[in-house]
Amino acid sequence: MAESFIRRPLTGLLLLAGAAGGPYFIFETDVGSTARTEAGRLLGVTSETQENGASMPGSVTSGPWDLPQVSAASTIDPMSPQANLNQPPVVMLSEVLRFDVTPAWITQRFPRVSTVLADMQLDGLRVPLVTGTTQSDLAGTLTYYFDRYQRLQRVSVHALTGDPTRVIAEMQHSYQLYQEPSLGGGLYLTKWNGKPTSIMHVSPAAIIRADAPYARFQVFVELNQPGLEYGLSPQATDFVATGRAAQRW
């Protein structure tokens, strides 16, 4: 019974994470490696099988879509002792998308934190993001970027969801992101003196399958402090510029 309780959220998270980042996320990141190893253990997949990819979910032959679906009855209690290194806590966006967050709070709130190189001016701390087990929830990664004074300057989200309606409404209400006319999904921007400083892009997944209801949309969010000291990241800037050049928005 206990193993069944643990198995569903872990494999469901791996499904969403694999679809969001593909083989790179599963095999080349700490979060993906943790989810891959633990899901393999619970599903009876040996380490040798995981390495050669013969039957590992997320490999070219099987794909992340073949994993069991998340069960709404298997919600993880973040305050429970079972919320260990292999079970990311379930959080609300309003709790984690704040600019009063500190590195100490992150390491206390999340059992596993990865350091990432943002650029020469910012340090990044990346954690798994799980907001629940319904189709309107998110599963992916959340990254905080701090300046040399340990002040939070940027927050980014890469995630999947089955229904983005609730997330879009919450982001528009809480972070003043306004929709721009666009193709290939919804583009939402916050501007400072006419220049984008925060962005959200919601697009249909490359492949939409009826048996993968939790992974129908990709969500990218980047929130920055008001002003233009840092502004959008180079990646977000290129994304906006490329879309405009292609007349997608």
C-alpha atoms as a PDB file:
ATOM      1  CA  MET A   1       0.000   0.000   0.000  1.00  0.00           C
ATOM      2  CA  ALA A   2       2.806   2.417   0.963  1.00  0.00           C
ATOM      3  CA  GLU A   3       4.774   1.630  -2.198  1.00  0.00           C
ATOM      4  CA  SER A   4       1.682   2.201  -4.330  1.00  0.00           C
ATOM      5  CA  PHE A   5       1.159   5.568  -2.655  1.00  0.00           C
ATOM      6  CA  ILE A   6       4.712   6.638  -3.483  1.00  0.00           C
ATOM      7  CA  ARG A   7       4.826   5.169  -6.982  1.00  0.00           C
ATOM      8  CA  ARG A   8       2.021   7.150  -8.575  1.00  0.00           C
ATOM      9  CA  PRO A   9       3.195  10.719  -7.892  1.00  0.00           C
ATOM     10  CA  LEU A  10       6.797   9.849  -8.712  1.00  0.00           C
ATOM     11  CA  THR A  11       6.062   8.202 -12.020  1.00  0.00           C
ATOM     12  CA  GLY A  12       3.517  10.860 -12.860  1.00  0.00           C
ATOM     13  CA  LEU A  13       6.098  13.554 -12.160  1.00  0.00           C
ATOM     14  CA  LEU A  14       8.624  11.749 -14.337  1.00  0.00           C
ATOM     15  CA  LEU A  15       6.045  11.634 -17.124  1.00  0.00           C
ATOM     16  CA  LEU A  16       5.552  15.371 -17.044  1.00  0.00           C
ATOM     17  CA  ALA A  17       9.215  16.180 -16.535  1.00  0.00           C
ATOM     18  CA  GLY A  18      10.242  13.936 -19.400  1.00  0.00           C
ATOM     19  CA  ALA A  19       7.730  15.499 -21.726  1.00  0.00           C
ATOM     20  CA  ALA A  20       8.801  18.992 -20.697  1.00  0.00           C
ATOM     21  CA  GLY A  21      12.521  18.482 -21.123  1.00  0.00           C
ATOM     22  CA  GLY A  22      12.792  15.292 -23.120  1.00  0.00           C
ATOM     23  CA  PRO A  23      15.768  12.934 -22.749  1.00  0.00           C
ATOM     24  CA  TYR A  24      18.022  15.836 -21.682  1.00  0.00           C
ATOM     25  CA  PHE A  25      15.916  16.562 -18.600  1.00  0.00           C
ATOM     26  CA  ILE A  26      15.656  12.913 -17.574  1.00  0.00           C
ATOM     27  CA  PHE A  27      19.279  11.897 -18.167  1.00  0.00           C
ATOM     28  CA  GLU A  28      21.331  15.090 -17.773  1.00  0.00           C
ATOM     29  CA  THR A  29      19.838  16.971 -14.802  1.00  0.00           C
ATOM     30  CA  ASP A  30      19.926  16.199 -11.100  1.00  0.00           C
ATOM     31  CA  VAL A  31      16.148  16.392 -10.754  1.00  0.00           C
ATOM     32  CA  GLY A  32      15.629  14.153 -13.759  1.00  0.00           C
ATOM     33  CA  SER A  33      18.231  11.676 -12.565  1.00  0.00           C
ATOM     34  CA  THR A  34      16.611  11.443  -9.147  1.00  0.00           C
ATOM     35  CA  ALA A  35      13.155  10.901 -10.605  1.00  0.00           C
ATOM     36  CA  ARG A  36      14.498   8.383 -13.139  1.00  0.00           C
ATOM     37  CA  THR A  37      16.368   6.347 -10.543  1.00  0.00           C
ATOM     38  CA  GLU A  38      13.564   6.261  -7.992  1.00  0.00           C
ATOM     39  CA  ALA A  39      10.848   5.577 -10.538  1.00  0.00           C
ATOM     40  CA  GLY A  40      12.968   2.774 -11.952  1.00  0.00           C
ATOM     41  CA  ARG A  41      13.425   1.243  -8.514  1.00  0.00           C
ATOM     42  CA  LEU A  42       9.705   1.340  -7.759  1.00  0.00           C
ATOM     43  CA  LEU A  43       8.801  -0.006 -11.174  1.00  0.00           C
ATOM     44  CA  GLY A  44      11.362  -2.803 -10.973  1.00  0.00           C
ATOM     45  CA  VAL A  45      13.726  -1.425 -13.632  1.00  0.00           C
ATOM     46  CA  THR A  46      17.389  -2.242 -13.011  1.00  0.00           C
ATOM     47  CA  SER A  47      20.167   0.328 -13.289  1.00  0.00           C
ATOM     48  CA  GLU A  48      21.579  -1.566 -16.274  1.00  0.00           C
ATOM     49  CA  THR A  49      18.259  -1.335 -18.088  1.00  0.00           C
ATOM     50  CA  GLN A  50      18.045   2.371 -17.306  1.00  0.00           C
ATOM     51  CA  GLU A  51      21.475   3.028 -18.762  1.00  0.00           C
ATOM     52  CA  ASN A  52      20.979   1.202 -22.048  1.00  0.00           C
ATOM     53  CA  GLY A  53      17.466   2.627 -22.418  1.00  0.00           C
ATOM     54  CA  ALA A  54      15.944  -0.663 -23.565  1.00  0.00           C
ATOM     55  CA  SER A  55      12.816  -0.283 -21.462  1.00  0.00           C
ATOM     56  CA  MET A  56      13.417   2.859 -19.435  1.00  0.00           C
ATOM     57  CA  PRO A  57      10.498   5.290 -19.685  1.00  0.00           C
ATOM     58  CA  GLY A  58      11.644   8.394 -21.515  1.00  0.00           C
ATOM     59  CA  SER A  59      13.949   6.547 -23.888  1.00  0.00           C
ATOM     60  CA  VAL A  60      13.569   6.747 -27.644  1.00  0.00           C
ATOM     61  CA  THR A  61      11.836   3.378 -27.774  1.00  0.00           C
ATOM     62  CA  SER A  62       9.206   3.975 -25.114  1.00  0.00           C
ATOM     63  CA  GLY A  63       8.952   7.720 -24.600  1.00  0.00           C
ATOM     64  CA  PRO A  64       7.736   9.530 -21.483  1.00  0.00           C
ATOM     65  CA  TRP A  65       4.123   9.151 -22.625  1.00  0.00           C
ATOM     66  CA  ASP A  66       4.119   5.448 -21.674  1.00  0.00           C
ATOM     67  CA  LEU A  67       4.404   6.086 -17.937  1.00  0.00           C
ATOM     68  CA  PRO A  68       1.431   5.606 -15.599  1.00  0.00           C
ATOM     69  CA  GLN A  69      -0.748   8.683 -15.152  1.00  0.00           C
ATOM     70  CA  VAL A  70      -0.873  10.786 -12.002  1.00  0.00           C
ATOM     71  CA  SER A  71      -3.681   9.777  -9.673  1.00  0.00           C
ATOM     72  CA  ALA A  72      -5.666  12.526  -7.973  1.00  0.00           C
ATOM     73  CA  ALA A  73      -5.916  10.263  -4.927  1.00  0.00           C
ATOM     74  CA  SER A  74      -2.137  10.175  -4.487  1.00  0.00           C
ATOM     75  CA  THR A  75      -1.511  13.764  -3.404  1.00  0.00           C
ATOM     76  CA  ILE A  76       1.729  14.189  -1.470  1.00  0.00           C
ATOM     77  CA  ASP A  77       1.554  15.909   1.913  1.00  0.00           C
ATOM     78  CA  PRO A  78       4.600  18.239   1.930  1.00  0.00           C
ATOM     79  CA  MET A  79       4.661  18.191   5.743  1.00  0.00           C
ATOM     80  CA  SER A  80       4.719  14.397   5.903  1.00  0.00           C
ATOM     81  CA  PRO A  81       7.967  12.511   6.636  1.00  0.00           C
ATOM     82  CA  GLN A  82       7.396  10.751   3.310  1.00  0.00           C
ATOM     83  CA  ALA A  83       8.186  14.001   1.487  1.00  0.00           C
ATOM     84  CA  ASN A  84      11.889  13.117   1.216  1.00  0.00           C
ATOM     85  CA  LEU A  85      14.571  13.692  -1.408  1.00  0.00           C
ATOM     86  CA  ASN A  86      12.684  11.689  -3.994  1.00  0.00           C
ATOM     87  CA  GLN A  87       9.297  13.308  -3.374  1.00  0.00           C
ATOM     88  CA  PRO A  88       9.195  17.022  -4.212  1.00  0.00           C
ATOM     89  CA  PRO A  89       6.768  18.934  -1.987  1.00  0.00           C
ATOM     90  CA  VAL A  90       3.484  20.092  -3.457  1.00  0.00           C
ATOM     91  CA  VAL A  91       3.463  23.906  -3.448  1.00  0.00           C
ATOM     92  CA  MET A  92       1.224  26.773  -4.507  1.00  0.00           C
ATOM     93  CA  LEU A  93       2.446  29.247  -7.113  1.00  0.00           C
ATOM     94  CA  SER A  94       1.676  32.133  -4.769  1.00  0.00           C
ATOM     95  CA  GLU A  95       4.047  30.573  -2.231  1.00  0.00           C
ATOM     96  CA  VAL A  96       7.029  30.097  -4.521  1.00  0.00           C
ATOM     97  CA  LEU A  97       6.703  32.938  -7.072  1.00  0.00           C
ATOM     98  CA  ARG A  98       7.745  35.734  -4.713  1.00  0.00           C
ATOM     99  CA  PHE A  99      10.652  38.140  -4.690  1.00  0.00           C
ATOM    100  CA  ASP A 100      11.213  38.017  -0.930  1.00  0.00           C
ATOM    101  CA  VAL A 101      12.628  34.495  -1.232  1.00  0.00           C
ATOM    102  CA  THR A 102      16.154  33.866   0.073  1.00  0.00           C
ATOM    103  CA  PRO A 103      18.636  31.056  -0.636  1.00  0.00           C
ATOM    104  CA  ALA A 104      18.216  29.865   2.957  1.00  0.00           C
ATOM    105  CA  TRP A 105      14.439  29.615   2.539  1.00  0.00           C
ATOM    106  CA  ILE A 106      14.855  27.571  -0.653  1.00  0.00           C
ATOM    107  CA  THR A 107      17.171  25.020   0.925  1.00  0.00           C
ATOM    108  CA  GLN A 108      14.843  24.698   3.914  1.00  0.00           C
ATOM    109  CA  ARG A 109      11.650  24.423   1.851  1.00  0.00           C
ATOM    110  CA  PHE A 110      12.872  21.975  -0.800  1.00  0.00           C
ATOM    111  CA  PRO A 111      14.667  18.709   0.006  1.00  0.00           C
ATOM    112  CA  ARG A 112      16.740  18.825  -3.195  1.00  0.00           C
ATOM    113  CA  VAL A 113      18.257  21.961  -4.743  1.00  0.00           C
ATOM    114  CA  SER A 114      20.562  22.159  -7.774  1.00  0.00           C
ATOM    115  CA  THR A 115      22.918  25.050  -8.464  1.00  0.00           C
ATOM    116  CA  VAL A 116      22.904  26.360 -12.033  1.00  0.00           C
ATOM    117  CA  LEU A 117      25.012  28.906 -13.871  1.00  0.00           C
ATOM    118  CA  ALA A 118      22.724  31.689 -15.059  1.00  0.00           C
ATOM    119  CA  ASP A 119      25.230  34.218 -16.342  1.00  0.00           C
ATOM    120  CA  MET A 120      28.194  36.130 -14.993  1.00  0.00           C
ATOM    121  CA  GLN A 121      25.944  38.351 -12.872  1.00  0.00           C
ATOM    122  CA  LEU A 122      23.461  35.897 -11.335  1.00  0.00           C
ATOM    123  CA  ASP A 123      23.585  32.595  -9.442  1.00  0.00           C
ATOM    124  CA  GLY A 124      20.759  30.096  -9.923  1.00  0.00           C
ATOM    125  CA  LEU A 125      19.083  27.610  -7.589  1.00  0.00           C
ATOM    126  CA  ARG A 126      16.777  25.073  -9.273  1.00  0.00           C
ATOM    127  CA  VAL A 127      14.097  22.953  -7.618  1.00  0.00           C
ATOM    128  CA  PRO A 128      11.349  20.627  -8.866  1.00  0.00           C
ATOM    129  CA  LEU A 129       7.929  22.254  -9.169  1.00  0.00           C
ATOM    130  CA  VAL A 130       4.747  20.294  -8.442  1.00  0.00           C
ATOM    131  CA  THR A 131       1.546  22.213  -7.677  1.00  0.00           C
ATOM    132  CA  GLY A 132      -0.793  19.219  -7.388  1.00  0.00           C
ATOM    133  CA  THR A 133      -2.155  16.213  -9.241  1.00  0.00           C
ATOM    134  CA  THR A 134      -5.058  17.629 -11.264  1.00  0.00           C
ATOM    135  CA  GLN A 135      -4.916  18.430 -14.965  1.00  0.00           C
ATOM    136  CA  SER A 136      -4.794  22.153 -14.173  1.00  0.00           C
ATOM    137  CA  ASP A 137      -1.662  21.787 -12.021  1.00  0.00           C
ATOM    138  CA  LEU A 138       1.960  22.230 -13.072  1.00  0.00           C
ATOM    139  CA  ALA A 139       4.911  19.844 -12.964  1.00  0.00           C
ATOM    140  CA  GLY A 140       8.391  20.884 -14.026  1.00  0.00           C
ATOM    141  CA  THR A 141      11.238  22.993 -12.672  1.00  0.00           C
ATOM    142  CA  LEU A 142      11.496  26.324 -10.864  1.00  0.00           C
ATOM    143  CA  THR A 143      14.713  28.352 -10.871  1.00  0.00           C
ATOM    144  CA  TYR A 144      15.606  31.318  -8.654  1.00  0.00           C
ATOM    145  CA  TYR A 145      18.348  33.738  -9.738  1.00  0.00           C
ATOM    146  CA  PHE A 146      20.213  35.851  -7.167  1.00  0.00           C
ATOM    147  CA  ASP A 147      22.639  38.742  -7.547  1.00  0.00           C
ATOM    148  CA  ARG A 148      25.895  39.101  -5.621  1.00  0.00           C
ATOM    149  CA  TYR A 149      24.018  40.584  -2.660  1.00  0.00           C
ATOM    150  CA  GLN A 150      21.748  37.512  -2.427  1.00  0.00           C
ATOM    151  CA  ARG A 151      18.769  39.508  -3.671  1.00  0.00           C
ATOM    152  CA  LEU A 152      16.338  37.634  -5.884  1.00  0.00           C
ATOM    153  CA  GLN A 153      16.257  39.186  -9.353  1.00  0.00           C
ATOM    154  CA  ARG A 154      14.612  36.544 -11.543  1.00  0.00           C
ATOM    155  CA  VAL A 155      12.356  33.490 -11.283  1.00  0.00           C
ATOM    156  CA  SER A 156      11.720  31.086 -14.162  1.00  0.00           C
ATOM    157  CA  VAL A 157       9.364  28.142 -14.617  1.00  0.00           C
ATOM    158  CA  HIS A 158       9.487  25.351 -17.198  1.00  0.00           C
ATOM    159  CA  ALA A 159       6.543  23.022 -16.765  1.00  0.00           C
ATOM    160  CA  LEU A 160       3.721  21.012 -18.282  1.00  0.00           C
ATOM    161  CA  THR A 161       0.012  21.081 -17.560  1.00  0.00           C
ATOM    162  CA  GLY A 162      -3.121  19.479 -18.914  1.00  0.00           C
ATOM    163  CA  ASP A 163      -5.214  22.650 -18.689  1.00  0.00           C
ATOM    164  CA  PRO A 164      -3.488  26.060 -18.517  1.00  0.00           C
ATOM    165  CA  THR A 165      -6.643  28.106 -17.838  1.00  0.00           C
ATOM    166  CA  ARG A 166      -6.133  28.421 -14.086  1.00  0.00           C
ATOM    167  CA  VAL A 167      -2.419  29.158 -14.347  1.00  0.00           C
ATOM    168  CA  ILE A 168      -2.997  31.856 -16.949  1.00  0.00           C
ATOM    169  CA  ALA A 169      -5.667  33.540 -14.830  1.00  0.00           C
ATOM    170  CA  GLU A 170      -3.479  33.460 -11.726  1.00  0.00           C
ATOM    171  CA  MET A 171      -0.440  34.861 -13.518  1.00  0.00           C
ATOM    172  CA  GLN A 172      -2.450  37.644 -15.131  1.00  0.00           C
ATOM    173  CA  HIS A 173      -4.049  38.627 -11.836  1.00  0.00           C
ATOM    174  CA  SER A 174      -1.010  38.384  -9.573  1.00  0.00           C
ATOM    175  CA  TYR A 175       1.815  39.450 -11.892  1.00  0.00           C
ATOM    176  CA  GLN A 176       0.131  41.817 -14.371  1.00  0.00           C
ATOM    177  CA  LEU A 177       1.028  39.796 -17.435  1.00  0.00           C
ATOM    178  CA  TYR A 178      -1.013  41.003 -20.413  1.00  0.00           C
ATOM    179  CA  GLN A 179      -1.765  38.906 -23.466  1.00  0.00           C
ATOM    180  CA  GLU A 180      -0.242  39.855 -26.803  1.00  0.00           C
ATOM    181  CA  PRO A 181      -1.672  38.765 -30.180  1.00  0.00           C
ATOM    182  CA  SER A 182       0.314  35.667 -31.130  1.00  0.00           C
ATOM    183  CA  LEU A 183       0.437  32.406 -33.058  1.00  0.00           C
ATOM    184  CA  GLY A 184       1.489  29.027 -31.703  1.00  0.00           C
ATOM    185  CA  GLY A 185       0.114  29.569 -28.214  1.00  0.00           C
ATOM    186  CA  GLY A 186      -0.468  32.452 -25.835  1.00  0.00           C
ATOM    187  CA  LEU A 187       2.152  35.142 -25.182  1.00  0.00           C
ATOM    188  CA  TYR A 188       1.845  37.297 -22.055  1.00  0.00           C
ATOM    189  CA  LEU A 189       4.175  40.184 -21.207  1.00  0.00           C
ATOM    190  CA  THR A 190       4.886  42.761 -18.532  1.00  0.00           C
ATOM    191  CA  LYS A 191       6.649  45.864 -19.863  1.00  0.00           C
ATOM    192  CA  TRP A 192       8.754  48.615 -18.324  1.00  0.00           C
ATOM    193  CA  ASN A 193       9.130  51.758 -20.437  1.00  0.00           C
ATOM    194  CA  GLY A 194       7.889  49.799 -23.430  1.00  0.00           C
ATOM    195  CA  LYS A 195      10.356  46.911 -23.055  1.00  0.00           C
ATOM    196  CA  PRO A 196       9.360  43.412 -21.876  1.00  0.00           C
ATOM    197  CA  THR A 197      10.626  42.600 -18.390  1.00  0.00           C
ATOM    198  CA  SER A 198       8.568  39.464 -17.658  1.00  0.00           C
ATOM    199  CA  ILE A 199       7.075  36.843 -19.941  1.00  0.00           C
ATOM    200  CA  MET A 200       4.800  33.824 -19.980  1.00  0.00           C
ATOM    201  CA  HIS A 201       4.349  31.601 -23.013  1.00  0.00           C
ATOM    202  CA  VAL A 202       1.798  28.791 -23.065  1.00  0.00           C
ATOM    203  CA  SER A 203       1.820  26.509 -26.088  1.00  0.00           C
ATOM    204  CA  PRO A 204       0.342  23.137 -27.043  1.00  0.00           C
ATOM    205  CA  ALA A 205       2.756  20.240 -26.683  1.00  0.00           C
ATOM    206  CA  ALA A 206       4.460  19.072 -29.867  1.00  0.00           C
ATOM    207  CA  ILE A 207       2.398  15.870 -29.662  1.00  0.00           C
ATOM    208  CA  ILE A 208      -0.987  15.913 -27.936  1.00  0.00           C
ATOM    209  CA  ARG A 209      -2.200  12.459 -26.969  1.00  0.00           C
ATOM    210  CA  ALA A 210      -5.461  11.418 -25.387  1.00  0.00           C
ATOM    211  CA  ASP A 211      -3.621   9.083 -23.012  1.00  0.00           C
ATOM    212  CA  ALA A 212      -1.402  11.912 -21.692  1.00  0.00           C
ATOM    213  CA  PRO A 213      -3.936  14.409 -20.305  1.00  0.00           C
ATOM    214  CA  TYR A 214      -1.429  15.997 -17.907  1.00  0.00           C
ATOM    215  CA  ALA A 215       1.066  16.946 -20.621  1.00  0.00           C
ATOM    216  CA  ARG A 216      -0.949  18.774 -23.252  1.00  0.00           C
ATOM    217  CA  PHE A 217       0.568  22.227 -22.776  1.00  0.00           C
ATOM    218  CA  GLN A 218       4.051  23.585 -22.186  1.00  0.00           C
ATOM    219  CA  VAL A 219       4.387  26.569 -19.866  1.00  0.00           C
ATOM    220  CA  PHE A 220       7.359  28.924 -19.717  1.00  0.00           C
ATOM    221  CA  VAL A 221       7.407  31.789 -17.237  1.00  0.00           C
ATOM    222  CA  GLU A 222      10.149  34.291 -16.493  1.00  0.00           C
ATOM    223  CA  LEU A 223       9.521  36.976 -13.890  1.00  0.00           C
ATOM    224  CA  ASN A 224      12.044  39.746 -13.302  1.00  0.00           C
ATOM    225  CA  GLN A 225      12.261  42.584 -10.825  1.00  0.00           C
ATOM    226  CA  PRO A 226      10.734  45.827 -12.166  1.00  0.00           C
ATOM    227  CA  GLY A 227      13.185  48.041 -13.978  1.00  0.00           C
ATOM    228  CA  LEU A 228      15.818  47.294 -16.569  1.00  0.00           C
ATOM    229  CA  GLU A 229      18.881  46.535 -14.426  1.00  0.00           C
ATOM    230  CA  TYR A 230      18.683  42.908 -15.519  1.00  0.00           C
ATOM    231  CA  GLY A 231      15.506  42.616 -17.583  1.00  0.00           C
ATOM    232  CA  LEU A 232      14.754  39.492 -19.575  1.00  0.00           C
ATOM    233  CA  SER A 233      17.380  36.779 -19.718  1.00  0.00           C
ATOM    234  CA  PRO A 234      19.283  36.376 -22.998  1.00  0.00           C
ATOM    235  CA  GLN A 235      17.263  33.230 -23.696  1.00  0.00           C
ATOM    236  CA  ALA A 236      13.923  34.978 -23.177  1.00  0.00           C
ATOM    237  CA  THR A 237      15.089  37.994 -25.173  1.00  0.00           C
ATOM    238  CA  ASP A 238      16.077  35.759 -28.089  1.00  0.00           C
ATOM    239  CA  PHE A 239      12.763  33.919 -27.832  1.00  0.00           C
ATOM    240  CA  VAL A 240      10.767  37.149 -28.108  1.00  0.00           C
ATOM    241  CA  ALA A 241      12.964  38.515 -30.895  1.00  0.00           C
ATOM    242  CA  THR A 242      12.830  35.292 -32.906  1.00  0.00           C
ATOM    243  CA  GLY A 243       9.055  35.154 -32.640  1.00  0.00           C
ATOM    244  CA  ARG A 244       8.726  38.736 -33.828  1.00  0.00           C
ATOM    245  CA  ALA A 245      11.098  38.157 -36.717  1.00  0.00           C
ATOM    246  CA  ALA A 246       9.006  35.168 -37.775  1.00  0.00           C
ATOM    247  CA  GLN A 247       5.858  37.272 -37.358  1.00  0.00           C
ATOM    248  CA  ARG A 248       4.500  34.903 -34.714  1.00  0.00           C
ATOM    249  CA  TRP A 249       3.624  37.964 -32.628  1.00  0.00           C
END
